[in-house]
Amino acid sequence: MALMSFSDSEVYTDKTCSKTCLKNYETLKKQYDDLIFKFHETEFKAATYKRGLDTVEAQLVTYRKNEVLFSEEVVVLKREVGCKQYEINMLKTEFEKVKQEKDGIDFKIEKFGKALKDLDQLLGSQITDKSKKGLGYSEVPSKSVSEVEPKKVRKNDGAPIIENWVSDDEEQDESKSKSEKKTVIPTAAKI
């Protein structure tokens, strides 16, 4: 330990220390310098690792906070998706109902169209040529309701009309001429 007390500036001689002692001193000094260098290097690395660990810990705290926030947002988003999915299902159900109603209405319209056509054919087959003329039907295409001329109809008092009747009474002749004439316009158009 006496070697430690000497400073580097002192010159060692054979008198103060033996050669072996000097050699050991030199080796120990070199080892000491190496250890000091390694110690400082280790301290630097430890400080760097500590700063890195602090950064990682800060990031971990941030990630944990974000995880809580994101998990809450995920719950809210899942709830919103569930509500939207429910609305979509309700709209699909309503759409299917409306589609079925439309199909039903289309079927009824088609059925009514066929029934109308069949009814027209039935009426056409039941009306004879003579009755067609009496109802205003003719071979020539008929005019529309607005173009049809009004038909003059006489009011019948309930007495039978005899066409070949010759009356000697002037009063009856006057009653014929005085009979009211009424105009009838057909209002039902053929559909």
N, C-alpha and C. Protein backbone atom coordinates (compact mmCIF):
# COMPACT_ATOMS: atom_id res chain seq x y z
N MET A 1 0.81 -1.17 0.00
CA MET A 1 0.00 0.00 0.00
C MET A 1 0.87 1.25 0.00
N ALA A 2 2.06 1.04 0.26
CA ALA A 2 2.99 2.16 0.26
C ALA A 2 3.15 2.69 -1.14
N LEU A 3 2.89 1.86 -2.12
CA LEU A 3 3.01 2.31 -3.50
C LEU A 3 1.94 3.35 -3.85
N MET A 4 0.85 3.28 -3.22
CA MET A 4 -0.23 4.20 -3.51
C MET A 4 0.11 5.60 -3.03
N SER A 5 0.91 5.70 -2.10
CA SER A 5 1.21 7.01 -1.54
C SER A 5 2.14 7.80 -2.44
N PHE A 6 2.81 7.13 -3.32
CA PHE A 6 3.69 7.85 -4.23
C PHE A 6 2.89 8.49 -5.33
N SER A 7 3.29 9.62 -5.73
CA SER A 7 2.61 10.29 -6.84
C SER A 7 3.30 9.93 -8.13
N ASP A 8 2.65 10.25 -9.23
CA ASP A 8 3.21 9.92 -10.54
C ASP A 8 4.44 10.75 -10.84
N SER A 9 4.58 11.85 -10.23
CA SER A 9 5.69 12.74 -10.54
C SER A 9 7.00 12.30 -9.86
N GLU A 10 6.87 11.43 -8.88
CA GLU A 10 8.08 11.00 -8.20
C GLU A 10 8.81 9.99 -9.05
N VAL A 11 10.03 10.02 -8.98
CA VAL A 11 10.87 9.07 -9.70
C VAL A 11 11.22 7.96 -8.73
N TYR A 12 11.02 6.79 -9.18
CA TYR A 12 11.30 5.64 -8.33
C TYR A 12 12.70 5.16 -8.65
N THR A 13 13.32 4.84 -7.69
CA THR A 13 14.68 4.33 -7.87
C THR A 13 14.78 2.98 -7.16
N ASP A 14 15.90 2.36 -7.37
CA ASP A 14 16.11 1.06 -6.75
C ASP A 14 16.16 1.19 -5.22
N LYS A 15 16.47 2.32 -4.82
CA LYS A 15 16.62 2.49 -3.40
C LYS A 15 15.26 2.50 -2.72
N THR A 16 14.37 3.15 -3.28
CA THR A 16 13.08 3.26 -2.62
C THR A 16 12.23 2.02 -2.82
N CYS A 17 12.31 1.42 -3.97
CA CYS A 17 11.45 0.27 -4.23
C CYS A 17 12.19 -0.70 -5.13
N SER A 18 11.89 -1.89 -4.99
CA SER A 18 12.53 -2.89 -5.82
C SER A 18 11.89 -2.90 -7.19
N LYS A 19 12.54 -3.57 -8.13
CA LYS A 19 12.05 -3.62 -9.50
C LYS A 19 10.72 -4.37 -9.56
N THR A 20 10.61 -5.35 -8.81
CA THR A 20 9.38 -6.12 -8.79
C THR A 20 8.25 -5.24 -8.28
N CYS A 21 8.56 -4.51 -7.31
CA CYS A 21 7.56 -3.63 -6.74
C CYS A 21 7.15 -2.59 -7.77
N LEU A 22 8.06 -2.07 -8.50
CA LEU A 22 7.74 -1.09 -9.55
C LEU A 22 6.90 -1.71 -10.66
N LYS A 23 7.28 -2.91 -11.00
CA LYS A 23 6.54 -3.61 -12.04
C LYS A 23 5.10 -3.86 -11.60
N ASN A 24 4.93 -4.29 -10.38
CA ASN A 24 3.58 -4.51 -9.84
C ASN A 24 2.80 -3.19 -9.77
N TYR A 25 3.52 -2.16 -9.39
CA TYR A 25 2.88 -0.87 -9.34
C TYR A 25 2.36 -0.46 -10.71
N GLU A 26 3.16 -0.60 -11.71
CA GLU A 26 2.80 -0.24 -13.08
C GLU A 26 1.60 -1.07 -13.54
N THR A 27 1.59 -2.34 -13.26
CA THR A 27 0.49 -3.21 -13.65
C THR A 27 -0.78 -2.79 -12.93
N LEU A 28 -0.64 -2.56 -11.65
CA LEU A 28 -1.81 -2.15 -10.86
C LEU A 28 -2.34 -0.79 -11.33
N LYS A 29 -1.44 0.13 -11.64
CA LYS A 29 -1.86 1.44 -12.11
C LYS A 29 -2.60 1.30 -13.43
N LYS A 30 -2.11 0.46 -14.33
CA LYS A 30 -2.76 0.24 -15.61
C LYS A 30 -4.14 -0.37 -15.40
N GLN A 31 -4.22 -1.36 -14.53
CA GLN A 31 -5.51 -1.99 -14.23
C GLN A 31 -6.47 -0.97 -13.60
N TYR A 32 -5.91 -0.16 -12.72
CA TYR A 32 -6.72 0.87 -12.09
C TYR A 32 -7.27 1.84 -13.13
N ASP A 33 -6.44 2.31 -14.03
CA ASP A 33 -6.88 3.23 -15.08
C ASP A 33 -7.94 2.58 -15.97
N ASP A 34 -7.74 1.31 -16.30
CA ASP A 34 -8.72 0.58 -17.11
C ASP A 34 -10.07 0.48 -16.38
N LEU A 35 -9.98 0.16 -15.08
CA LEU A 35 -11.21 0.04 -14.30
C LEU A 35 -11.92 1.38 -14.15
N ILE A 36 -11.18 2.43 -13.97
CA ILE A 36 -11.78 3.77 -13.88
C ILE A 36 -12.48 4.10 -15.21
N PHE A 37 -11.80 3.79 -16.32
CA PHE A 37 -12.40 4.06 -17.64
C PHE A 37 -13.68 3.24 -17.81
N LYS A 38 -13.61 1.97 -17.45
CA LYS A 38 -14.80 1.11 -17.56
C LYS A 38 -15.91 1.58 -16.62
N PHE A 39 -15.49 2.07 -15.43
CA PHE A 39 -16.48 2.57 -14.49
C PHE A 39 -17.21 3.79 -15.06
N HIS A 40 -16.48 4.73 -15.60
CA HIS A 40 -17.09 5.91 -16.20
C HIS A 40 -17.97 5.52 -17.41
N GLU A 41 -17.47 4.57 -18.17
CA GLU A 41 -18.24 4.09 -19.32
C GLU A 41 -19.54 3.43 -18.84
N THR A 42 -19.47 2.65 -17.77
CA THR A 42 -20.65 1.99 -17.22
C THR A 42 -21.60 3.02 -16.63
N GLU A 43 -21.06 4.03 -15.95
CA GLU A 43 -21.92 5.09 -15.43
C GLU A 43 -22.66 5.80 -16.57
N PHE A 44 -21.97 6.09 -17.67
CA PHE A 44 -22.58 6.74 -18.83
C PHE A 44 -23.69 5.85 -19.41
N LYS A 45 -23.36 4.56 -19.56
CA LYS A 45 -24.37 3.63 -20.09
C LYS A 45 -25.58 3.53 -19.16
N ALA A 46 -25.29 3.51 -17.83
CA ALA A 46 -26.38 3.42 -16.86
C ALA A 46 -27.27 4.66 -16.94
N ALA A 47 -26.65 5.83 -17.08
CA ALA A 47 -27.42 7.07 -17.19
C ALA A 47 -28.25 7.05 -18.49
N THR A 48 -27.64 6.57 -19.58
CA THR A 48 -28.36 6.47 -20.86
C THR A 48 -29.52 5.50 -20.74
N TYR A 49 -29.26 4.34 -20.14
CA TYR A 49 -30.32 3.36 -19.95
C TYR A 49 -31.43 3.90 -19.05
N LYS A 50 -31.02 4.69 -18.03
CA LYS A 50 -32.01 5.25 -17.14
C LYS A 50 -32.90 6.25 -17.87
N ARG A 51 -32.28 7.10 -18.70
CA ARG A 51 -33.07 8.04 -19.50
C ARG A 51 -34.00 7.28 -20.45
N GLY A 52 -33.49 6.22 -21.08
CA GLY A 52 -34.31 5.40 -21.97
C GLY A 52 -35.46 4.73 -21.21
N LEU A 53 -35.16 4.25 -19.99
CA LEU A 53 -36.18 3.61 -19.16
C LEU A 53 -37.25 4.63 -18.77
N ASP A 54 -36.83 5.85 -18.43
CA ASP A 54 -37.80 6.91 -18.10
C ASP A 54 -38.70 7.20 -19.31
N THR A 55 -38.10 7.26 -20.49
CA THR A 55 -38.88 7.51 -21.71
C THR A 55 -39.87 6.38 -21.95
N VAL A 56 -39.41 5.14 -21.80
CA VAL A 56 -40.28 3.98 -22.00
C VAL A 56 -41.41 3.98 -20.97
N GLU A 57 -41.08 4.30 -19.72
CA GLU A 57 -42.12 4.35 -18.68
C GLU A 57 -43.14 5.44 -18.99
N ALA A 58 -42.68 6.61 -19.47
CA ALA A 58 -43.60 7.69 -19.83
C ALA A 58 -44.50 7.25 -20.99
N GLN A 59 -43.90 6.58 -21.97
CA GLN A 59 -44.70 6.07 -23.10
C GLN A 59 -45.70 5.02 -22.62
N LEU A 60 -45.28 4.19 -21.69
CA LEU A 60 -46.17 3.16 -21.16
C LEU A 60 -47.37 3.79 -20.45
N VAL A 61 -47.12 4.85 -19.68
CA VAL A 61 -48.21 5.57 -19.01
C VAL A 61 -49.16 6.15 -20.06
N THR A 62 -48.58 6.77 -21.10
CA THR A 62 -49.39 7.34 -22.18
C THR A 62 -50.20 6.25 -22.87
N TYR A 63 -49.57 5.13 -23.16
CA TYR A 63 -50.28 4.02 -23.81
C TYR A 63 -51.41 3.48 -22.93
N ARG A 64 -51.18 3.42 -21.64
CA ARG A 64 -52.24 2.94 -20.74
C ARG A 64 -53.42 3.91 -20.72
N LYS A 65 -53.11 5.22 -20.68
CA LYS A 65 -54.18 6.21 -20.74
C LYS A 65 -54.95 6.09 -22.06
N ASN A 66 -54.20 5.97 -23.15
CA ASN A 66 -54.83 5.82 -24.47
C ASN A 66 -55.66 4.54 -24.54
N GLU A 67 -55.15 3.48 -23.93
CA GLU A 67 -55.88 2.21 -23.94
C GLU A 67 -57.23 2.36 -23.25
N VAL A 68 -57.24 3.08 -22.12
CA VAL A 68 -58.50 3.31 -21.41
C VAL A 68 -59.44 4.14 -22.28
N LEU A 69 -58.89 5.23 -22.87
CA LEU A 69 -59.73 6.07 -23.72
C LEU A 69 -60.25 5.30 -24.93
N PHE A 70 -59.34 4.56 -25.56
CA PHE A 70 -59.74 3.82 -26.75
C PHE A 70 -60.74 2.71 -26.42
N SER A 71 -60.55 2.08 -25.28
CA SER A 71 -61.51 1.02 -24.91
C SER A 71 -62.89 1.63 -24.66
N GLU A 72 -62.94 2.83 -24.05
CA GLU A 72 -64.22 3.52 -23.87
C GLU A 72 -64.82 3.90 -25.22
N GLU A 73 -63.98 4.40 -26.14
CA GLU A 73 -64.46 4.77 -27.46
C GLU A 73 -64.94 3.53 -28.23
N VAL A 74 -64.23 2.42 -28.05
CA VAL A 74 -64.64 1.19 -28.72
C VAL A 74 -66.01 0.75 -28.21
N VAL A 75 -66.25 0.87 -26.92
CA VAL A 75 -67.56 0.51 -26.36
C VAL A 75 -68.65 1.40 -26.95
N VAL A 76 -68.37 2.71 -27.03
CA VAL A 76 -69.34 3.66 -27.60
C VAL A 76 -69.58 3.33 -29.07
N LEU A 77 -68.51 3.07 -29.81
CA LEU A 77 -68.65 2.75 -31.24
C LEU A 77 -69.41 1.45 -31.45
N LYS A 78 -69.15 0.46 -30.60
CA LYS A 78 -69.89 -0.81 -30.71
C LYS A 78 -71.38 -0.58 -30.45
N ARG A 79 -71.67 0.27 -29.47
CA ARG A 79 -73.07 0.58 -29.18
C ARG A 79 -73.71 1.28 -30.37
N GLU A 80 -72.99 2.25 -30.97
CA GLU A 80 -73.52 2.96 -32.13
C GLU A 80 -73.73 2.01 -33.30
N VAL A 81 -72.77 1.11 -33.52
CA VAL A 81 -72.90 0.13 -34.60
C VAL A 81 -74.11 -0.75 -34.36
N GLY A 82 -74.31 -1.16 -33.11
CA GLY A 82 -75.48 -1.98 -32.78
C GLY A 82 -76.78 -1.23 -33.08
N CYS A 83 -76.83 0.06 -32.71
CA CYS A 83 -78.03 0.86 -32.99
C CYS A 83 -78.25 1.00 -34.48
N LYS A 84 -77.19 1.27 -35.21
CA LYS A 84 -77.31 1.43 -36.68
C LYS A 84 -77.74 0.10 -37.30
N GLN A 85 -77.21 -0.99 -36.81
CA GLN A 85 -77.59 -2.30 -37.34
C GLN A 85 -79.06 -2.57 -37.07
N TYR A 86 -79.53 -2.20 -35.88
CA TYR A 86 -80.95 -2.35 -35.55
C TYR A 86 -81.81 -1.51 -36.49
N GLU A 87 -81.39 -0.26 -36.73
CA GLU A 87 -82.13 0.61 -37.65
C GLU A 87 -82.14 0.02 -39.06
N ILE A 88 -81.01 -0.53 -39.49
CA ILE A 88 -80.93 -1.14 -40.82
C ILE A 88 -81.90 -2.32 -40.90
N ASN A 89 -81.92 -3.14 -39.86
CA ASN A 89 -82.83 -4.30 -39.85
C ASN A 89 -84.28 -3.85 -39.88
N MET A 90 -84.60 -2.79 -39.11
CA MET A 90 -85.97 -2.27 -39.11
C MET A 90 -86.35 -1.76 -40.49
N LEU A 91 -85.43 -1.02 -41.13
CA LEU A 91 -85.70 -0.50 -42.47
C LEU A 91 -85.84 -1.63 -43.49
N LYS A 92 -85.04 -2.68 -43.34
CA LYS A 92 -85.16 -3.83 -44.24
C LYS A 92 -86.52 -4.49 -44.07
N THR A 93 -86.95 -4.64 -42.81
CA THR A 93 -88.25 -5.24 -42.53
C THR A 93 -89.37 -4.39 -43.12
N GLU A 94 -89.28 -3.08 -42.91
CA GLU A 94 -90.29 -2.17 -43.45
C GLU A 94 -90.28 -2.21 -44.98
N PHE A 95 -89.08 -2.26 -45.56
CA PHE A 95 -88.96 -2.34 -47.01
C PHE A 95 -89.62 -3.61 -47.54
N GLU A 96 -89.39 -4.73 -46.86
CA GLU A 96 -90.00 -5.99 -47.28
C GLU A 96 -91.53 -5.91 -47.20
N LYS A 97 -92.05 -5.29 -46.12
CA LYS A 97 -93.49 -5.13 -45.99
C LYS A 97 -94.05 -4.30 -47.14
N VAL A 98 -93.40 -3.17 -47.41
CA VAL A 98 -93.85 -2.29 -48.48
C VAL A 98 -93.75 -3.00 -49.82
N LYS A 99 -92.70 -3.76 -50.00
CA LYS A 99 -92.53 -4.51 -51.25
C LYS A 99 -93.64 -5.54 -51.41
N GLN A 100 -93.98 -6.24 -50.32
CA GLN A 100 -95.07 -7.23 -50.38
C GLN A 100 -96.40 -6.54 -50.66
N GLU A 101 -96.63 -5.38 -50.01
CA GLU A 101 -97.86 -4.63 -50.27
C GLU A 101 -97.92 -4.19 -51.72
N LYS A 102 -96.80 -3.72 -52.25
CA LYS A 102 -96.75 -3.28 -53.65
C LYS A 102 -97.03 -4.46 -54.57
N ASP A 103 -96.42 -5.60 -54.29
CA ASP A 103 -96.67 -6.79 -55.11
C ASP A 103 -98.14 -7.18 -55.05
N GLY A 104 -98.73 -7.09 -53.84
CA GLY A 104 -100.15 -7.41 -53.69
C GLY A 104 -101.02 -6.45 -54.48
N ILE A 105 -100.69 -5.16 -54.41
CA ILE A 105 -101.45 -4.15 -55.15
C ILE A 105 -101.28 -4.36 -56.65
N ASP A 106 -100.06 -4.64 -57.09
CA ASP A 106 -99.83 -4.91 -58.52
C ASP A 106 -100.64 -6.12 -58.97
N PHE A 107 -100.69 -7.15 -58.13
CA PHE A 107 -101.46 -8.35 -58.46
C PHE A 107 -102.95 -8.01 -58.57
N LYS A 108 -103.45 -7.21 -57.60
CA LYS A 108 -104.86 -6.82 -57.63
C LYS A 108 -105.17 -5.98 -58.87
N ILE A 109 -104.27 -5.07 -59.20
CA ILE A 109 -104.48 -4.24 -60.40
C ILE A 109 -104.53 -5.12 -61.64
N GLU A 110 -103.63 -6.05 -61.72
CA GLU A 110 -103.61 -6.98 -62.86
C GLU A 110 -104.91 -7.80 -62.89
N LYS A 111 -105.34 -8.25 -61.70
CA LYS A 111 -106.57 -9.02 -61.61
C LYS A 111 -107.77 -8.18 -62.04
N PHE A 112 -107.84 -6.93 -61.56
CA PHE A 112 -108.95 -6.04 -61.94
C PHE A 112 -108.92 -5.75 -63.44
N GLY A 113 -107.71 -5.59 -64.00
CA GLY A 113 -107.60 -5.36 -65.44
C GLY A 113 -108.15 -6.53 -66.22
N LYS A 114 -107.79 -7.74 -65.81
CA LYS A 114 -108.30 -8.94 -66.48
C LYS A 114 -109.81 -9.06 -66.29
N ALA A 115 -110.29 -8.77 -65.06
CA ALA A 115 -111.73 -8.84 -64.79
C ALA A 115 -112.48 -7.83 -65.63
N LEU A 116 -111.92 -6.62 -65.79
CA LEU A 116 -112.55 -5.59 -66.62
C LEU A 116 -112.61 -6.04 -68.07
N LYS A 117 -111.54 -6.60 -68.55
CA LYS A 117 -111.51 -7.09 -69.93
C LYS A 117 -112.54 -8.20 -70.11
N ASP A 118 -112.58 -9.13 -69.15
CA ASP A 118 -113.56 -10.23 -69.22
C ASP A 118 -114.98 -9.68 -69.14
N LEU A 119 -115.22 -8.69 -68.29
CA LEU A 119 -116.54 -8.09 -68.15
C LEU A 119 -116.95 -7.39 -69.44
N ASP A 120 -116.02 -6.68 -70.05
CA ASP A 120 -116.32 -6.04 -71.34
C ASP A 120 -116.68 -7.08 -72.39
N GLN A 121 -115.93 -8.18 -72.41
CA GLN A 121 -116.24 -9.25 -73.36
C GLN A 121 -117.61 -9.85 -73.06
N LEU A 122 -117.91 -10.06 -71.79
CA LEU A 122 -119.20 -10.63 -71.40
C LEU A 122 -120.34 -9.70 -71.78
N LEU A 123 -120.18 -8.42 -71.48
CA LEU A 123 -121.22 -7.45 -71.86
C LEU A 123 -121.36 -7.36 -73.36
N GLY A 124 -120.26 -7.39 -74.04
CA GLY A 124 -120.29 -7.34 -75.51
C GLY A 124 -121.00 -8.54 -76.10
N SER A 125 -120.82 -9.68 -75.49
CA SER A 125 -121.47 -10.88 -76.02
C SER A 125 -122.94 -10.93 -75.65
N GLN A 126 -123.35 -10.25 -74.60
CA GLN A 126 -124.74 -10.29 -74.16
C GLN A 126 -125.61 -9.25 -74.84
N ILE A 127 -125.05 -8.21 -75.35
CA ILE A 127 -125.84 -7.16 -76.00
C ILE A 127 -126.04 -7.55 -77.46
N THR A 128 -127.28 -7.65 -77.89
CA THR A 128 -127.58 -8.00 -79.28
C THR A 128 -127.50 -6.75 -80.13
N ASP A 129 -127.50 -6.97 -81.43
CA ASP A 129 -127.39 -5.84 -82.35
C ASP A 129 -128.54 -4.86 -82.17
N LYS A 130 -129.75 -5.36 -81.98
CA LYS A 130 -130.90 -4.47 -81.84
C LYS A 130 -130.80 -3.65 -80.57
N SER A 131 -130.41 -4.30 -79.48
CA SER A 131 -130.32 -3.57 -78.23
C SER A 131 -129.15 -2.60 -78.24
N LYS A 132 -128.13 -2.92 -79.03
CA LYS A 132 -127.01 -1.98 -79.15
C LYS A 132 -127.48 -0.69 -79.78
N LYS A 133 -128.33 -0.80 -80.80
CA LYS A 133 -128.83 0.40 -81.46
C LYS A 133 -129.68 1.20 -80.49
N GLY A 134 -130.47 0.53 -79.67
CA GLY A 134 -131.32 1.22 -78.71
C GLY A 134 -130.52 1.88 -77.60
N LEU A 135 -129.33 1.34 -77.30
CA LEU A 135 -128.48 1.92 -76.24
C LEU A 135 -127.51 2.95 -76.76
N GLY A 136 -127.56 3.19 -78.06
CA GLY A 136 -126.67 4.19 -78.62
C GLY A 136 -125.42 3.59 -79.21
N TYR A 137 -125.33 2.26 -79.30
CA TYR A 137 -124.17 1.63 -79.92
C TYR A 137 -124.40 1.57 -81.41
N SER A 138 -123.39 1.65 -82.20
CA SER A 138 -123.51 1.52 -83.65
C SER A 138 -122.25 0.87 -84.18
N GLU A 139 -122.27 0.55 -85.45
CA GLU A 139 -121.12 -0.06 -86.09
C GLU A 139 -119.97 0.93 -86.16
N VAL A 140 -120.32 2.18 -86.33
CA VAL A 140 -119.32 3.23 -86.42
C VAL A 140 -118.81 3.49 -85.01
N PRO A 141 -117.51 3.71 -84.86
CA PRO A 141 -117.00 3.99 -83.52
C PRO A 141 -117.75 5.15 -82.89
N SER A 142 -118.15 4.97 -81.67
CA SER A 142 -118.95 5.98 -81.00
C SER A 142 -118.10 7.18 -80.62
N LYS A 143 -118.79 8.29 -80.44
CA LYS A 143 -118.12 9.53 -80.06
C LYS A 143 -117.90 9.50 -78.55
N SER A 144 -117.03 10.35 -78.09
CA SER A 144 -116.81 10.42 -76.65
C SER A 144 -118.02 11.03 -75.99
N VAL A 145 -118.12 10.96 -74.68
CA VAL A 145 -119.29 11.42 -73.94
C VAL A 145 -119.57 12.89 -74.22
N SER A 146 -118.52 13.68 -74.35
CA SER A 146 -118.74 15.11 -74.59
C SER A 146 -119.23 15.37 -76.01
N GLU A 147 -118.97 14.47 -76.96
CA GLU A 147 -119.37 14.66 -78.35
C GLU A 147 -120.74 14.06 -78.64
N VAL A 148 -121.29 13.25 -77.76
CA VAL A 148 -122.56 12.59 -78.01
C VAL A 148 -123.67 13.63 -77.97
N GLU A 149 -124.53 13.58 -78.99
CA GLU A 149 -125.65 14.52 -79.04
C GLU A 149 -126.69 14.06 -78.04
N PRO A 150 -127.34 15.00 -77.39
CA PRO A 150 -128.35 14.60 -76.42
C PRO A 150 -129.54 13.94 -77.11
N LYS A 151 -130.08 12.96 -76.47
CA LYS A 151 -131.21 12.20 -76.99
C LYS A 151 -132.48 12.81 -76.42
N LYS A 152 -133.45 13.05 -77.25
CA LYS A 152 -134.68 13.66 -76.79
C LYS A 152 -135.63 12.56 -76.36
N VAL A 153 -136.09 12.69 -75.11
CA VAL A 153 -136.98 11.68 -74.55
C VAL A 153 -138.25 12.39 -74.10
N ARG A 154 -139.34 11.74 -74.37
CA ARG A 154 -140.62 12.29 -73.98
C ARG A 154 -141.03 11.69 -72.66
N LYS A 155 -141.67 12.48 -71.85
CA LYS A 155 -142.14 11.98 -70.57
C LYS A 155 -143.39 11.16 -70.83
N ASN A 156 -143.39 9.96 -70.30
CA ASN A 156 -144.53 9.06 -70.49
C ASN A 156 -145.40 9.15 -69.25
N ASP A 157 -146.66 9.41 -69.45
CA ASP A 157 -147.58 9.53 -68.32
C ASP A 157 -148.09 8.19 -67.86
N GLY A 158 -147.60 7.14 -68.40
CA GLY A 158 -148.03 5.83 -67.98
C GLY A 158 -149.02 5.22 -68.95
N ALA A 159 -149.58 5.96 -69.86
CA ALA A 159 -150.53 5.43 -70.82
C ALA A 159 -149.79 4.82 -71.98
N PRO A 160 -150.26 3.68 -72.50
CA PRO A 160 -149.57 3.08 -73.64
C PRO A 160 -149.73 3.96 -74.88
N ILE A 161 -148.64 3.98 -75.66
CA ILE A 161 -148.64 4.78 -76.90
C ILE A 161 -149.02 3.86 -78.03
N ILE A 162 -149.99 4.27 -78.75
CA ILE A 162 -150.41 3.51 -79.92
C ILE A 162 -150.09 4.37 -81.12
N GLU A 163 -149.19 3.86 -81.96
CA GLU A 163 -148.72 4.66 -83.08
C GLU A 163 -149.78 4.84 -84.17
N ASN A 164 -150.57 3.90 -84.39
CA ASN A 164 -151.57 4.00 -85.46
C ASN A 164 -152.88 4.61 -84.97
N TRP A 165 -152.93 5.16 -83.87
CA TRP A 165 -154.13 5.74 -83.28
C TRP A 165 -154.47 7.02 -83.98
N VAL A 166 -155.68 7.11 -84.34
CA VAL A 166 -156.17 8.33 -84.95
C VAL A 166 -157.24 8.84 -84.01
N SER A 167 -157.08 10.06 -83.59
CA SER A 167 -158.01 10.61 -82.62
C SER A 167 -158.86 11.68 -83.27
N ASP A 168 -160.11 11.67 -82.89
CA ASP A 168 -161.01 12.70 -83.38
C ASP A 168 -161.01 13.88 -82.43
N ASP A 169 -160.46 13.65 -81.30
CA ASP A 169 -160.49 14.65 -80.26
C ASP A 169 -159.28 15.56 -80.41
N GLU A 170 -159.51 16.86 -80.49
CA GLU A 170 -158.42 17.81 -80.65
C GLU A 170 -157.63 17.95 -79.35
N GLU A 171 -158.27 17.68 -78.25
CA GLU A 171 -157.64 17.81 -76.95
C GLU A 171 -156.47 16.84 -76.81
N GLN A 172 -156.64 15.64 -77.30
CA GLN A 172 -155.56 14.65 -77.21
C GLN A 172 -154.40 15.05 -78.10
N ASP A 173 -154.71 15.63 -79.26
CA ASP A 173 -153.63 16.06 -80.15
C ASP A 173 -152.80 17.16 -79.50
N GLU A 174 -153.47 18.03 -78.78
CA GLU A 174 -152.77 19.11 -78.11
C GLU A 174 -151.93 18.57 -76.94
N SER A 175 -152.47 17.55 -76.27
CA SER A 175 -151.72 16.99 -75.14
C SER A 175 -150.43 16.33 -75.61
N LYS A 176 -150.47 15.76 -76.81
CA LYS A 176 -149.25 15.16 -77.36
C LYS A 176 -148.22 16.24 -77.64
N SER A 177 -148.63 17.32 -78.20
CA SER A 177 -147.69 18.37 -78.55
C SER A 177 -147.19 19.10 -77.31
N LYS A 178 -148.05 19.12 -76.28
CA LYS A 178 -147.66 19.80 -75.06
C LYS A 178 -146.79 18.93 -74.16
N SER A 179 -146.67 17.67 -74.46
CA SER A 179 -145.89 16.80 -73.58
C SER A 179 -144.46 17.31 -73.49
N GLU A 180 -143.96 17.18 -72.33
CA GLU A 180 -142.63 17.72 -72.06
C GLU A 180 -141.57 16.88 -72.75
N LYS A 181 -140.58 17.56 -73.22
CA LYS A 181 -139.44 16.88 -73.82
C LYS A 181 -138.26 17.08 -72.89
N LYS A 182 -137.62 15.98 -72.60
CA LYS A 182 -136.51 16.01 -71.66
C LYS A 182 -135.25 15.57 -72.39
N THR A 183 -134.14 16.19 -72.12
CA THR A 183 -132.87 15.85 -72.74
C THR A 183 -132.07 15.02 -71.76
N VAL A 184 -131.60 13.86 -72.21
CA VAL A 184 -130.79 12.98 -71.36
C VAL A 184 -129.42 12.85 -72.00
N ILE A 185 -128.40 13.11 -71.21
CA ILE A 185 -127.02 12.96 -71.70
C ILE A 185 -126.39 11.81 -70.93
N PRO A 186 -125.91 10.78 -71.65
CA PRO A 186 -125.26 9.67 -70.95
C PRO A 186 -124.01 10.18 -70.23
N THR A 187 -123.85 9.79 -68.98
CA THR A 187 -122.71 10.27 -68.21
C THR A 187 -121.68 9.20 -67.93
N ALA A 188 -122.05 7.96 -68.10
CA ALA A 188 -121.10 6.89 -67.80
C ALA A 188 -120.27 6.62 -69.04
N ALA A 189 -118.99 6.78 -68.94
CA ALA A 189 -118.10 6.51 -70.05
C ALA A 189 -117.64 5.07 -69.96
N LYS A 190 -117.41 4.45 -71.07
CA LYS A 190 -116.93 3.07 -71.09
C LYS A 190 -115.45 3.09 -70.72
N ILE A 191 -115.07 2.29 -69.76
CA ILE A 191 -113.68 2.29 -69.28
C ILE A 191 -112.90 1.23 -70.00
